[in-house]
Amino acid sequence: MSNNASQQGFTLVEVLVSLLIFSTAILGLMHAGTQNLNAVYVAEQKQIAGIIADNQLILALHTELEISAGTQKDSVDMDGRIWNWQILIKKTPQAGFYQLDIIVREQGSEQIIVSRTAYAQGRL
């Protein structure tokens, strides 16, 4: 047997460098996946809060009662979570018209998820 026989395979340094590169790639993919899940959660929150805001504005606009300046607020259970909504009704410069601003928050949070504005006559 000769001492000049060629050796096959990778050195320890080459293996460690390849593992470092692979680990970095995996961490990047995990971070991207986490960001994607967060974006989906935020989109879901906005969708649900938007539905609540639209429903409450429709109920406020289609009431038989006289619309007057003031604040209305309540909470609603949707998708297994409690959502707080508040409608602020203000007079506009145009006589007989009111501005209705609604905000929706998830219960226990001060962050406004959705806000909408609508206009209505004093009596519908």
PDB file of N, CA and C in Angstrom:
ATOM      1  N   MET A   1       0.836  -1.153   0.000  1.00  0.00           N
ATOM      2  CA  MET A   1       0.000   0.000   0.000  1.00  0.00           C
ATOM      3  C   MET A   1       0.892   1.232   0.000  1.00  0.00           C
ATOM      4  N   SER A   2       0.475   2.256  -0.762  1.00  0.00           N
ATOM      5  CA  SER A   2       1.342   3.424  -0.879  1.00  0.00           C
ATOM      6  C   SER A   2       0.838   4.542   0.018  1.00  0.00           C
ATOM      7  N   ASN A   3       1.719   5.402   0.443  1.00  0.00           N
ATOM      8  CA  ASN A   3       1.375   6.532   1.296  1.00  0.00           C
ATOM      9  C   ASN A   3       0.731   7.668   0.519  1.00  0.00           C
ATOM     10  N   ASN A   4       0.755   7.613  -0.816  1.00  0.00           N
ATOM     11  CA  ASN A   4       0.212   8.668  -1.657  1.00  0.00           C
ATOM     12  C   ASN A   4      -1.259   8.434  -2.019  1.00  0.00           C
ATOM     13  N   ALA A   5      -1.911   7.543  -1.374  1.00  0.00           N
ATOM     14  CA  ALA A   5      -3.313   7.264  -1.696  1.00  0.00           C
ATOM     15  C   ALA A   5      -4.144   8.511  -1.393  1.00  0.00           C
ATOM     16  N   SER A   6      -5.010   8.896  -2.337  1.00  0.00           N
ATOM     17  CA  SER A   6      -5.815  10.107  -2.146  1.00  0.00           C
ATOM     18  C   SER A   6      -6.947   9.814  -1.174  1.00  0.00           C
ATOM     19  N   GLN A   7      -7.275  10.802  -0.373  1.00  0.00           N
ATOM     20  CA  GLN A   7      -8.344  10.645   0.603  1.00  0.00           C
ATOM     21  C   GLN A   7      -9.612  11.292   0.063  1.00  0.00           C
ATOM     22  N   GLN A   8     -10.729  10.704   0.369  1.00  0.00           N
ATOM     23  CA  GLN A   8     -12.033  11.197  -0.059  1.00  0.00           C
ATOM     24  C   GLN A   8     -12.767  11.773   1.150  1.00  0.00           C
ATOM     25  N   GLY A   9     -13.672  12.788   0.900  1.00  0.00           N
ATOM     26  CA  GLY A   9     -14.504  13.319   1.976  1.00  0.00           C
ATOM     27  C   GLY A   9     -14.198  14.768   2.278  1.00  0.00           C
ATOM     28  N   PHE A  10     -14.894  15.267   3.309  1.00  0.00           N
ATOM     29  CA  PHE A  10     -14.785  16.674   3.694  1.00  0.00           C
ATOM     30  C   PHE A  10     -13.987  16.790   4.988  1.00  0.00           C
ATOM     31  N   THR A  11     -13.341  17.924   5.151  1.00  0.00           N
ATOM     32  CA  THR A  11     -12.635  18.174   6.403  1.00  0.00           C
ATOM     33  C   THR A  11     -13.644  18.662   7.437  1.00  0.00           C
ATOM     34  N   LEU A  12     -13.236  18.657   8.677  1.00  0.00           N
ATOM     35  CA  LEU A  12     -14.100  19.105   9.757  1.00  0.00           C
ATOM     36  C   LEU A  12     -14.491  20.571   9.572  1.00  0.00           C
ATOM     37  N   VAL A  13     -13.574  21.395   9.126  1.00  0.00           N
ATOM     38  CA  VAL A  13     -13.856  22.814   8.912  1.00  0.00           C
ATOM     39  C   VAL A  13     -14.919  22.982   7.827  1.00  0.00           C
ATOM     40  N   GLU A  14     -14.835  22.228   6.755  1.00  0.00           N
ATOM     41  CA  GLU A  14     -15.827  22.317   5.675  1.00  0.00           C
ATOM     42  C   GLU A  14     -17.215  21.908   6.168  1.00  0.00           C
ATOM     43  N   VAL A  15     -17.280  20.881   6.981  1.00  0.00           N
ATOM     44  CA  VAL A  15     -18.561  20.430   7.526  1.00  0.00           C
ATOM     45  C   VAL A  15     -19.150  21.496   8.449  1.00  0.00           C
ATOM     46  N   LEU A  16     -18.327  22.091   9.305  1.00  0.00           N
ATOM     47  CA  LEU A  16     -18.814  23.121  10.225  1.00  0.00           C
ATOM     48  C   LEU A  16     -19.287  24.365   9.478  1.00  0.00           C
ATOM     49  N   VAL A  17     -18.581  24.769   8.437  1.00  0.00           N
ATOM     50  CA  VAL A  17     -18.994  25.927   7.642  1.00  0.00           C
ATOM     51  C   VAL A  17     -20.323  25.644   6.949  1.00  0.00           C
ATOM     52  N   SER A  18     -20.481  24.444   6.410  1.00  0.00           N
ATOM     53  CA  SER A  18     -21.745  24.118   5.739  1.00  0.00           C
ATOM     54  C   SER A  18     -22.900  24.085   6.745  1.00  0.00           C
ATOM     55  N   LEU A  19     -22.668  23.593   7.958  1.00  0.00           N
ATOM     56  CA  LEU A  19     -23.706  23.606   8.992  1.00  0.00           C
ATOM     57  C   LEU A  19     -24.064  25.033   9.401  1.00  0.00           C
ATOM     58  N   LEU A  20     -23.078  25.916   9.473  1.00  0.00           N
ATOM     59  CA  LEU A  20     -23.333  27.312   9.800  1.00  0.00           C
ATOM     60  C   LEU A  20     -24.205  27.966   8.733  1.00  0.00           C
ATOM     61  N   ILE A  21     -23.894  27.720   7.474  1.00  0.00           N
ATOM     62  CA  ILE A  21     -24.685  28.282   6.368  1.00  0.00           C
ATOM     63  C   ILE A  21     -26.107  27.730   6.402  1.00  0.00           C
ATOM     64  N   PHE A  22     -26.235  26.432   6.610  1.00  0.00           N
ATOM     65  CA  PHE A  22     -27.549  25.801   6.671  1.00  0.00           C
ATOM     66  C   PHE A  22     -28.368  26.355   7.842  1.00  0.00           C
ATOM     67  N   SER A  23     -27.740  26.517   9.006  1.00  0.00           N
ATOM     68  CA  SER A  23     -28.438  27.050  10.181  1.00  0.00           C
ATOM     69  C   SER A  23     -28.918  28.473   9.944  1.00  0.00           C
ATOM     70  N   THR A  24     -28.092  29.285   9.302  1.00  0.00           N
ATOM     71  CA  THR A  24     -28.483  30.658   9.000  1.00  0.00           C
ATOM     72  C   THR A  24     -29.686  30.681   8.064  1.00  0.00           C
ATOM     73  N   ALA A  25     -29.694  29.815   7.078  1.00  0.00           N
ATOM     74  CA  ALA A  25     -30.825  29.747   6.146  1.00  0.00           C
ATOM     75  C   ALA A  25     -32.097  29.313   6.867  1.00  0.00           C
ATOM     76  N   ILE A  26     -31.996  28.341   7.749  1.00  0.00           N
ATOM     77  CA  ILE A  26     -33.160  27.863   8.498  1.00  0.00           C
ATOM     78  C   ILE A  26     -33.708  28.968   9.400  1.00  0.00           C
ATOM     79  N   LEU A  27     -32.824  29.710  10.073  1.00  0.00           N
ATOM     80  CA  LEU A  27     -33.279  30.809  10.931  1.00  0.00           C
ATOM     81  C   LEU A  27     -33.994  31.879  10.114  1.00  0.00           C
ATOM     82  N   GLY A  28     -33.494  32.176   8.932  1.00  0.00           N
ATOM     83  CA  GLY A  28     -34.155  33.141   8.053  1.00  0.00           C
ATOM     84  C   GLY A  28     -35.538  32.677   7.640  1.00  0.00           C
ATOM     85  N   LEU A  29     -35.675  31.407   7.311  1.00  0.00           N
ATOM     86  CA  LEU A  29     -36.982  30.862   6.935  1.00  0.00           C
ATOM     87  C   LEU A  29     -37.955  30.869   8.118  1.00  0.00           C
ATOM     88  N   MET A  30     -37.452  30.569   9.305  1.00  0.00           N
ATOM     89  CA  MET A  30     -38.315  30.598  10.489  1.00  0.00           C
ATOM     90  C   MET A  30     -38.793  32.022  10.772  1.00  0.00           C
ATOM     91  N   HIS A  31     -37.920  32.993  10.609  1.00  0.00           N
ATOM     92  CA  HIS A  31     -38.298  34.389  10.822  1.00  0.00           C
ATOM     93  C   HIS A  31     -39.361  34.811   9.805  1.00  0.00           C
ATOM     94  N   ALA A  32     -39.175  34.431   8.554  1.00  0.00           N
ATOM     95  CA  ALA A  32     -40.158  34.772   7.516  1.00  0.00           C
ATOM     96  C   ALA A  32     -41.508  34.125   7.821  1.00  0.00           C
ATOM     97  N   GLY A  33     -41.498  32.892   8.285  1.00  0.00           N
ATOM     98  CA  GLY A  33     -42.743  32.208   8.639  1.00  0.00           C
ATOM     99  C   GLY A  33     -43.451  32.878   9.800  1.00  0.00           C
ATOM    100  N   THR A  34     -42.695  33.308  10.801  1.00  0.00           N
ATOM    101  CA  THR A  34     -43.272  34.008  11.946  1.00  0.00           C
ATOM    102  C   THR A  34     -43.887  35.333  11.515  1.00  0.00           C
ATOM    103  N   GLN A  35     -43.192  36.072  10.661  1.00  0.00           N
ATOM    104  CA  GLN A  35     -43.725  37.340  10.157  1.00  0.00           C
ATOM    105  C   GLN A  35     -45.015  37.108   9.375  1.00  0.00           C
ATOM    106  N   ASN A  36     -45.061  36.043   8.605  1.00  0.00           N
ATOM    107  CA  ASN A  36     -46.253  35.719   7.821  1.00  0.00           C
ATOM    108  C   ASN A  36     -47.438  35.410   8.740  1.00  0.00           C
ATOM    109  N   LEU A  37     -47.209  34.648   9.795  1.00  0.00           N
ATOM    110  CA  LEU A  37     -48.287  34.343  10.746  1.00  0.00           C
ATOM    111  C   LEU A  37     -48.792  35.610  11.429  1.00  0.00           C
ATOM    112  N   ASN A  38     -47.887  36.512  11.773  1.00  0.00           N
ATOM    113  CA  ASN A  38     -48.282  37.774  12.396  1.00  0.00           C
ATOM    114  C   ASN A  38     -49.125  38.605  11.435  1.00  0.00           C
ATOM    115  N   ALA A  39     -48.736  38.647  10.167  1.00  0.00           N
ATOM    116  CA  ALA A  39     -49.499  39.409   9.168  1.00  0.00           C
ATOM    117  C   ALA A  39     -50.899  38.827   8.986  1.00  0.00           C
ATOM    118  N   VAL A  40     -51.015  37.511   9.018  1.00  0.00           N
ATOM    119  CA  VAL A  40     -52.323  36.864   8.892  1.00  0.00           C
ATOM    120  C   VAL A  40     -53.199  37.210  10.099  1.00  0.00           C
ATOM    121  N   TYR A  41     -52.623  37.216  11.295  1.00  0.00           N
ATOM    122  CA  TYR A  41     -53.380  37.558  12.506  1.00  0.00           C
ATOM    123  C   TYR A  41     -53.887  38.996  12.443  1.00  0.00           C
ATOM    124  N   VAL A  42     -53.029  39.926  12.022  1.00  0.00           N
ATOM    125  CA  VAL A  42     -53.428  41.331  11.920  1.00  0.00           C
ATOM    126  C   VAL A  42     -54.530  41.495  10.876  1.00  0.00           C
ATOM    127  N   ALA A  43     -54.401  40.807   9.745  1.00  0.00           N
ATOM    128  CA  ALA A  43     -55.429  40.886   8.701  1.00  0.00           C
ATOM    129  C   ALA A  43     -56.763  40.336   9.209  1.00  0.00           C
ATOM    130  N   GLU A  44     -56.709  39.249   9.974  1.00  0.00           N
ATOM    131  CA  GLU A  44     -57.932  38.678  10.540  1.00  0.00           C
ATOM    132  C   GLU A  44     -58.585  39.658  11.517  1.00  0.00           C
ATOM    133  N   GLN A  45     -57.777  40.295  12.371  1.00  0.00           N
ATOM    134  CA  GLN A  45     -58.309  41.282  13.313  1.00  0.00           C
ATOM    135  C   GLN A  45     -59.000  42.420  12.579  1.00  0.00           C
ATOM    136  N   LYS A  46     -58.358  42.941  11.546  1.00  0.00           N
ATOM    137  CA  LYS A  46     -58.932  44.059  10.796  1.00  0.00           C
ATOM    138  C   LYS A  46     -60.219  43.646  10.091  1.00  0.00           C
ATOM    139  N   GLN A  47     -60.260  42.431   9.583  1.00  0.00           N
ATOM    140  CA  GLN A  47     -61.457  41.945   8.898  1.00  0.00           C
ATOM    141  C   GLN A  47     -62.636  41.854   9.865  1.00  0.00           C
ATOM    142  N   ILE A  48     -62.407  41.247  11.019  1.00  0.00           N
ATOM    143  CA  ILE A  48     -63.483  41.091  12.004  1.00  0.00           C
ATOM    144  C   ILE A  48     -63.930  42.452  12.529  1.00  0.00           C
ATOM    145  N   ALA A  49     -62.974  43.316  12.868  1.00  0.00           N
ATOM    146  CA  ALA A  49     -63.314  44.652  13.373  1.00  0.00           C
ATOM    147  C   ALA A  49     -64.055  45.460  12.313  1.00  0.00           C
ATOM    148  N   GLY A  50     -63.699  45.294  11.051  1.00  0.00           N
ATOM    149  CA  GLY A  50     -64.399  45.980   9.963  1.00  0.00           C
ATOM    150  C   GLY A  50     -65.841  45.526   9.837  1.00  0.00           C
ATOM    151  N   ILE A  51     -66.067  44.239   9.998  1.00  0.00           N
ATOM    152  CA  ILE A  51     -67.437  43.707   9.948  1.00  0.00           C
ATOM    153  C   ILE A  51     -68.265  44.287  11.097  1.00  0.00           C
ATOM    154  N   ILE A  52     -67.671  44.335  12.286  1.00  0.00           N
ATOM    155  CA  ILE A  52     -68.383  44.891  13.443  1.00  0.00           C
ATOM    156  C   ILE A  52     -68.706  46.360  13.212  1.00  0.00           C
ATOM    157  N   ALA A  53     -67.731  47.125  12.728  1.00  0.00           N
ATOM    158  CA  ALA A  53     -67.953  48.558  12.475  1.00  0.00           C
ATOM    159  C   ALA A  53     -69.055  48.764  11.443  1.00  0.00           C
ATOM    160  N   ASP A  54     -69.003  48.013  10.360  1.00  0.00           N
ATOM    161  CA  ASP A  54     -70.029  48.146   9.319  1.00  0.00           C
ATOM    162  C   ASP A  54     -71.414  47.784   9.850  1.00  0.00           C
ATOM    163  N   ASN A  55     -71.497  46.703  10.620  1.00  0.00           N
ATOM    164  CA  ASN A  55     -72.787  46.289  11.189  1.00  0.00           C
ATOM    165  C   ASN A  55     -73.361  47.360  12.110  1.00  0.00           C
ATOM    166  N   GLN A  56     -72.528  47.919  12.973  1.00  0.00           N
ATOM    167  CA  GLN A  56     -73.020  48.926  13.917  1.00  0.00           C
ATOM    168  C   GLN A  56     -73.419  50.214  13.204  1.00  0.00           C
ATOM    169  N   LEU A  57     -72.687  50.604  12.168  1.00  0.00           N
ATOM    170  CA  LEU A  57     -73.080  51.792  11.401  1.00  0.00           C
ATOM    171  C   LEU A  57     -74.411  51.570  10.692  1.00  0.00           C
ATOM    172  N   ILE A  58     -74.592  50.386  10.132  1.00  0.00           N
ATOM    173  CA  ILE A  58     -75.863  50.078   9.459  1.00  0.00           C
ATOM    174  C   ILE A  58     -77.014  50.136  10.459  1.00  0.00           C
ATOM    175  N   LEU A  59     -76.811  49.561  11.640  1.00  0.00           N
ATOM    176  CA  LEU A  59     -77.860  49.615  12.667  1.00  0.00           C
ATOM    177  C   LEU A  59     -78.147  51.053  13.087  1.00  0.00           C
ATOM    178  N   ALA A  60     -77.109  51.867  13.229  1.00  0.00           N
ATOM    179  CA  ALA A  60     -77.304  53.264  13.635  1.00  0.00           C
ATOM    180  C   ALA A  60     -77.990  54.073  12.544  1.00  0.00           C
ATOM    181  N   LEU A  61     -77.676  53.784  11.288  1.00  0.00           N
ATOM    182  CA  LEU A  61     -78.239  54.554  10.179  1.00  0.00           C
ATOM    183  C   LEU A  61     -79.663  54.132   9.828  1.00  0.00           C
ATOM    184  N   HIS A  62     -80.048  52.937  10.203  1.00  0.00           N
ATOM    185  CA  HIS A  62     -81.371  52.441   9.837  1.00  0.00           C
ATOM    186  C   HIS A  62     -82.307  52.340  11.040  1.00  0.00           C
ATOM    187  N   THR A  63     -82.092  53.199  11.981  1.00  0.00           N
ATOM    188  CA  THR A  63     -82.979  53.235  13.139  1.00  0.00           C
ATOM    189  C   THR A  63     -84.155  54.159  12.845  1.00  0.00           C
ATOM    190  N   GLU A  64     -85.240  53.919  13.497  1.00  0.00           N
ATOM    191  CA  GLU A  64     -86.418  54.777  13.349  1.00  0.00           C
ATOM    192  C   GLU A  64     -86.346  55.968  14.303  1.00  0.00           C
ATOM    193  N   LEU A  65     -85.368  55.959  15.174  1.00  0.00           N
ATOM    194  CA  LEU A  65     -85.256  57.019  16.169  1.00  0.00           C
ATOM    195  C   LEU A  65     -84.548  58.234  15.586  1.00  0.00           C
ATOM    196  N   GLU A  66     -84.734  59.345  16.232  1.00  0.00           N
ATOM    197  CA  GLU A  66     -84.052  60.582  15.865  1.00  0.00           C
ATOM    198  C   GLU A  66     -82.562  60.433  16.190  1.00  0.00           C
ATOM    199  N   ILE A  67     -81.707  60.786  15.239  1.00  0.00           N
ATOM    200  CA  ILE A  67     -80.270  60.779  15.497  1.00  0.00           C
ATOM    201  C   ILE A  67     -79.917  62.082  16.192  1.00  0.00           C
ATOM    202  N   SER A  68     -79.164  61.994  17.268  1.00  0.00           N
ATOM    203  CA  SER A  68     -78.741  63.206  17.972  1.00  0.00           C
ATOM    204  C   SER A  68     -77.285  63.048  18.392  1.00  0.00           C
ATOM    205  N   ALA A  69     -76.648  64.185  18.647  1.00  0.00           N
ATOM    206  CA  ALA A  69     -75.238  64.171  19.033  1.00  0.00           C
ATOM    207  C   ALA A  69     -75.066  63.404  20.344  1.00  0.00           C
ATOM    208  N   GLY A  70     -73.953  62.693  20.442  1.00  0.00           N
ATOM    209  CA  GLY A  70     -73.670  61.930  21.649  1.00  0.00           C
ATOM    210  C   GLY A  70     -72.780  60.748  21.343  1.00  0.00           C
ATOM    211  N   THR A  71     -72.681  59.871  22.310  1.00  0.00           N
ATOM    212  CA  THR A  71     -71.826  58.693  22.185  1.00  0.00           C
ATOM    213  C   THR A  71     -72.633  57.444  22.506  1.00  0.00           C
ATOM    214  N   GLN A  72     -72.434  56.425  21.695  1.00  0.00           N
ATOM    215  CA  GLN A  72     -73.015  55.113  21.961  1.00  0.00           C
ATOM    216  C   GLN A  72     -71.858  54.130  22.019  1.00  0.00           C
ATOM    217  N   LYS A  73     -71.892  53.214  22.969  1.00  0.00           N
ATOM    218  CA  LYS A  73     -70.850  52.194  23.011  1.00  0.00           C
ATOM    219  C   LYS A  73     -71.402  50.913  23.596  1.00  0.00           C
ATOM    220  N   ASP A  74     -70.774  49.831  23.191  1.00  0.00           N
ATOM    221  CA  ASP A  74     -71.190  48.514  23.651  1.00  0.00           C
ATOM    222  C   ASP A  74     -70.085  47.538  23.280  1.00  0.00           C
ATOM    223  N   SER A  75     -70.323  46.278  23.527  1.00  0.00           N
ATOM    224  CA  SER A  75     -69.378  45.242  23.123  1.00  0.00           C
ATOM    225  C   SER A  75     -70.147  44.120  22.443  1.00  0.00           C
ATOM    226  N   VAL A  76     -69.429  43.367  21.641  1.00  0.00           N
ATOM    227  CA  VAL A  76     -70.035  42.273  20.897  1.00  0.00           C
ATOM    228  C   VAL A  76     -69.051  41.104  20.887  1.00  0.00           C
ATOM    229  N   ASP A  77     -69.589  39.891  20.931  1.00  0.00           N
ATOM    230  CA  ASP A  77     -68.767  38.683  20.875  1.00  0.00           C
ATOM    231  C   ASP A  77     -68.740  38.195  19.437  1.00  0.00           C
ATOM    232  N   MET A  78     -67.554  38.128  18.863  1.00  0.00           N
ATOM    233  CA  MET A  78     -67.420  37.610  17.511  1.00  0.00           C
ATOM    234  C   MET A  78     -66.111  36.839  17.415  1.00  0.00           C
ATOM    235  N   ASP A  79     -66.169  35.667  16.832  1.00  0.00           N
ATOM    236  CA  ASP A  79     -65.005  34.807  16.648  1.00  0.00           C
ATOM    237  C   ASP A  79     -64.378  34.423  17.993  1.00  0.00           C
ATOM    238  N   GLY A  80     -65.221  34.277  19.006  1.00  0.00           N
ATOM    239  CA  GLY A  80     -64.730  33.857  20.309  1.00  0.00           C
ATOM    240  C   GLY A  80     -63.996  34.936  21.084  1.00  0.00           C
ATOM    241  N   ARG A  81     -64.057  36.176  20.616  1.00  0.00           N
ATOM    242  CA  ARG A  81     -63.406  37.296  21.299  1.00  0.00           C
ATOM    243  C   ARG A  81     -64.423  38.406  21.520  1.00  0.00           C
ATOM    244  N   ILE A  82     -64.175  39.198  22.538  1.00  0.00           N
ATOM    245  CA  ILE A  82     -65.041  40.339  22.834  1.00  0.00           C
ATOM    246  C   ILE A  82     -64.426  41.578  22.182  1.00  0.00           C
ATOM    247  N   TRP A  83     -65.271  42.305  21.442  1.00  0.00           N
ATOM    248  CA  TRP A  83     -64.845  43.527  20.749  1.00  0.00           C
ATOM    249  C   TRP A  83     -65.657  44.695  21.287  1.00  0.00           C
ATOM    250  N   ASN A  84     -64.984  45.774  21.613  1.00  0.00           N
ATOM    251  CA  ASN A  84     -65.653  46.987  22.082  1.00  0.00           C
ATOM    252  C   ASN A  84     -65.765  47.965  20.928  1.00  0.00           C
ATOM    253  N   TRP A  85     -66.954  48.540  20.768  1.00  0.00           N
ATOM    254  CA  TRP A  85     -67.140  49.554  19.731  1.00  0.00           C
ATOM    255  C   TRP A  85     -67.722  50.807  20.362  1.00  0.00           C
ATOM    256  N   GLN A  86     -67.445  51.926  19.717  1.00  0.00           N
ATOM    257  CA  GLN A  86     -67.948  53.212  20.197  1.00  0.00           C
ATOM    258  C   GLN A  86     -68.263  54.086  18.994  1.00  0.00           C
ATOM    259  N   ILE A  87     -69.479  54.646  18.976  1.00  0.00           N
ATOM    260  CA  ILE A  87     -69.889  55.576  17.917  1.00  0.00           C
ATOM    261  C   ILE A  87     -69.999  56.967  18.533  1.00  0.00           C
ATOM    262  N   LEU A  88     -69.281  57.902  17.955  1.00  0.00           N
ATOM    263  CA  LEU A  88     -69.362  59.302  18.355  1.00  0.00           C
ATOM    264  C   LEU A  88     -70.167  60.034  17.291  1.00  0.00           C
ATOM    265  N   ILE A  89     -71.296  60.609  17.687  1.00  0.00           N
ATOM    266  CA  ILE A  89     -72.182  61.312  16.754  1.00  0.00           C
ATOM    267  C   ILE A  89     -72.020  62.811  16.990  1.00  0.00           C
ATOM    268  N   LYS A  90     -71.637  63.530  15.916  1.00  0.00           N
ATOM    269  CA  LYS A  90     -71.402  64.978  16.015  1.00  0.00           C
ATOM    270  C   LYS A  90     -72.242  65.700  14.972  1.00  0.00           C
ATOM    271  N   LYS A  91     -72.638  66.919  15.304  1.00  0.00           N
ATOM    272  CA  LYS A  91     -73.321  67.765  14.326  1.00  0.00           C
ATOM    273  C   LYS A  91     -72.307  68.216  13.279  1.00  0.00           C
ATOM    274  N   THR A  92     -72.785  68.389  12.049  1.00  0.00           N
ATOM    275  CA  THR A  92     -71.945  68.935  10.983  1.00  0.00           C
ATOM    276  C   THR A  92     -72.352  70.386  10.739  1.00  0.00           C
ATOM    277  N   PRO A  93     -71.548  71.127   9.989  1.00  0.00           N
ATOM    278  CA  PRO A  93     -71.940  72.497   9.653  1.00  0.00           C
ATOM    279  C   PRO A  93     -73.243  72.559   8.852  1.00  0.00           C
ATOM    280  N   GLN A  94     -73.566  71.496   8.153  1.00  0.00           N
ATOM    281  CA  GLN A  94     -74.812  71.420   7.384  1.00  0.00           C
ATOM    282  C   GLN A  94     -75.959  71.090   8.342  1.00  0.00           C
ATOM    283  N   ALA A  95     -76.923  71.961   8.424  1.00  0.00           N
ATOM    284  CA  ALA A  95     -78.039  71.770   9.359  1.00  0.00           C
ATOM    285  C   ALA A  95     -78.765  70.456   9.088  1.00  0.00           C
ATOM    286  N   GLY A  96     -79.030  69.711  10.155  1.00  0.00           N
ATOM    287  CA  GLY A  96     -79.786  68.468  10.036  1.00  0.00           C
ATOM    288  C   GLY A  96     -78.946  67.251   9.686  1.00  0.00           C
ATOM    289  N   PHE A  97     -77.641  67.424   9.494  1.00  0.00           N
ATOM    290  CA  PHE A  97     -76.772  66.289   9.175  1.00  0.00           C
ATOM    291  C   PHE A  97     -75.812  66.025  10.331  1.00  0.00           C
ATOM    292  N   TYR A  98     -75.504  64.748  10.504  1.00  0.00           N
ATOM    293  CA  TYR A  98     -74.616  64.326  11.579  1.00  0.00           C
ATOM    294  C   TYR A  98     -73.490  63.471  11.016  1.00  0.00           C
ATOM    295  N   GLN A  99     -72.351  63.552  11.692  1.00  0.00           N
ATOM    296  CA  GLN A  99     -71.202  62.705  11.359  1.00  0.00           C
ATOM    297  C   GLN A  99     -71.127  61.605  12.403  1.00  0.00           C
ATOM    298  N   LEU A 100     -71.042  60.368  11.953  1.00  0.00           N
ATOM    299  CA  LEU A 100     -70.944  59.222  12.850  1.00  0.00           C
ATOM    300  C   LEU A 100     -69.558  58.610  12.685  1.00  0.00           C
ATOM    301  N   ASP A 101     -68.761  58.661  13.743  1.00  0.00           N
ATOM    302  CA  ASP A 101     -67.429  58.051  13.747  1.00  0.00           C
ATOM    303  C   ASP A 101     -67.475  56.834  14.651  1.00  0.00           C
ATOM    304  N   ILE A 102     -67.081  55.677  14.113  1.00  0.00           N
ATOM    305  CA  ILE A 102     -67.055  54.460  14.926  1.00  0.00           C
ATOM    306  C   ILE A 102     -65.622  53.970  15.029  1.00  0.00           C
ATOM    307  N   ILE A 103     -65.278  53.504  16.207  1.00  0.00           N
ATOM    308  CA  ILE A 103     -63.990  52.847  16.416  1.00  0.00           C
ATOM    309  C   ILE A 103     -64.251  51.480  17.037  1.00  0.00           C
ATOM    310  N   VAL A 104     -63.401  50.523  16.698  1.00  0.00           N
ATOM    311  CA  VAL A 104     -63.532  49.163  17.223  1.00  0.00           C
ATOM    312  C   VAL A 104     -62.183  48.748  17.797  1.00  0.00           C
ATOM    313  N   ARG A 105     -62.238  48.207  19.011  1.00  0.00           N
ATOM    314  CA  ARG A 105     -61.048  47.703  19.695  1.00  0.00           C
ATOM    315  C   ARG A 105     -61.325  46.291  20.182  1.00  0.00           C
ATOM    316  N   GLU A 106     -60.256  45.523  20.332  1.00  0.00           N
ATOM    317  CA  GLU A 106     -60.401  44.239  21.000  1.00  0.00           C
ATOM    318  C   GLU A 106     -60.426  44.517  22.503  1.00  0.00           C
ATOM    319  N   GLN A 107     -61.280  43.805  23.236  1.00  0.00           N
ATOM    320  CA  GLN A 107     -61.420  44.064  24.668  1.00  0.00           C
ATOM    321  C   GLN A 107     -60.071  43.914  25.364  1.00  0.00           C
ATOM    322  N   GLY A 108     -59.782  44.866  26.251  1.00  0.00           N
ATOM    323  CA  GLY A 108     -58.525  44.828  26.983  1.00  0.00           C
ATOM    324  C   GLY A 108     -57.392  45.547  26.279  1.00  0.00           C
ATOM    325  N   SER A 109     -57.660  46.097  25.114  1.00  0.00           N
ATOM    326  CA  SER A 109     -56.632  46.802  24.349  1.00  0.00           C
ATOM    327  C   SER A 109     -57.092  48.228  24.071  1.00  0.00           C
ATOM    328  N   GLU A 110     -56.157  49.146  24.093  1.00  0.00           N
ATOM    329  CA  GLU A 110     -56.464  50.535  23.752  1.00  0.00           C
ATOM    330  C   GLU A 110     -56.228  50.811  22.268  1.00  0.00           C
ATOM    331  N   GLN A 111     -55.649  49.843  21.570  1.00  0.00           N
ATOM    332  CA  GLN A 111     -55.344  50.034  20.147  1.00  0.00           C
ATOM    333  C   GLN A 111     -56.625  49.981  19.317  1.00  0.00           C
ATOM    334  N   ILE A 112     -56.823  51.008  18.508  1.00  0.00           N
ATOM    335  CA  ILE A 112     -57.972  51.039  17.606  1.00  0.00           C
ATOM    336  C   ILE A 112     -57.647  50.159  16.404  1.00  0.00           C
ATOM    337  N   ILE A 113     -58.462  49.148  16.176  1.00  0.00           N
ATOM    338  CA  ILE A 113     -58.234  48.236  15.057  1.00  0.00           C
ATOM    339  C   ILE A 113     -58.812  48.827  13.781  1.00  0.00           C
ATOM    340  N   VAL A 114     -60.037  49.347  13.863  1.00  0.00           N
ATOM    341  CA  VAL A 114     -60.716  49.901  12.689  1.00  0.00           C
ATOM    342  C   VAL A 114     -61.469  51.156  13.111  1.00  0.00           C
ATOM    343  N   SER A 115     -61.487  52.138  12.222  1.00  0.00           N
ATOM    344  CA  SER A 115     -62.356  53.302  12.415  1.00  0.00           C
ATOM    345  C   SER A 115     -63.043  53.592  11.088  1.00  0.00           C
ATOM    346  N   ARG A 116     -64.296  54.001  11.177  1.00  0.00           N
ATOM    347  CA  ARG A 116     -65.088  54.322   9.988  1.00  0.00           C
ATOM    348  C   ARG A 116     -65.852  55.616  10.265  1.00  0.00           C
ATOM    349  N   THR A 117     -66.235  56.293   9.194  1.00  0.00           N
ATOM    350  CA  THR A 117     -67.032  57.511   9.298  1.00  0.00           C
ATOM    351  C   THR A 117     -68.199  57.423   8.327  1.00  0.00           C
ATOM    352  N   ALA A 118     -69.365  57.855   8.794  1.00  0.00           N
ATOM    353  CA  ALA A 118     -70.555  57.913   7.944  1.00  0.00           C
ATOM    354  C   ALA A 118     -71.292  59.209   8.264  1.00  0.00           C
ATOM    355  N   TYR A 119     -72.166  59.598   7.361  1.00  0.00           N
ATOM    356  CA  TYR A 119     -72.965  60.811   7.540  1.00  0.00           C
ATOM    357  C   TYR A 119     -74.435  60.449   7.404  1.00  0.00           C
ATOM    358  N   ALA A 120     -75.274  61.142   8.190  1.00  0.00           N
ATOM    359  CA  ALA A 120     -76.707  60.842   8.162  1.00  0.00           C
ATOM    360  C   ALA A 120     -77.507  62.090   8.483  1.00  0.00           C
ATOM    361  N   GLN A 121     -78.770  62.071   8.033  1.00  0.00           N
ATOM    362  CA  GLN A 121     -79.710  63.126   8.398  1.00  0.00           C
ATOM    363  C   GLN A 121     -80.204  62.876   9.811  1.00  0.00           C
ATOM    364  N   GLY A 122     -80.755  63.925  10.415  1.00  0.00           N
ATOM    365  CA  GLY A 122     -81.248  63.815  11.787  1.00  0.00           C
ATOM    366  C   GLY A 122     -82.332  62.781  11.948  1.00  0.00           C
ATOM    367  N   ARG A 123     -83.202  62.625  10.968  1.00  0.00           N
ATOM    368  CA  ARG A 123     -84.228  61.581  11.019  1.00  0.00           C
ATOM    369  C   ARG A 123     -84.180  60.849   9.690  1.00  0.00           C
ATOM    370  N   LEU A 124     -84.110  59.532   9.799  1.00  0.00           N
ATOM    371  CA  LEU A 124     -84.040  58.722   8.574  1.00  0.00           C
ATOM    372  C   LEU A 124     -85.407  58.227   8.175  1.00  0.00           C
TER     373      LEU A 124
END
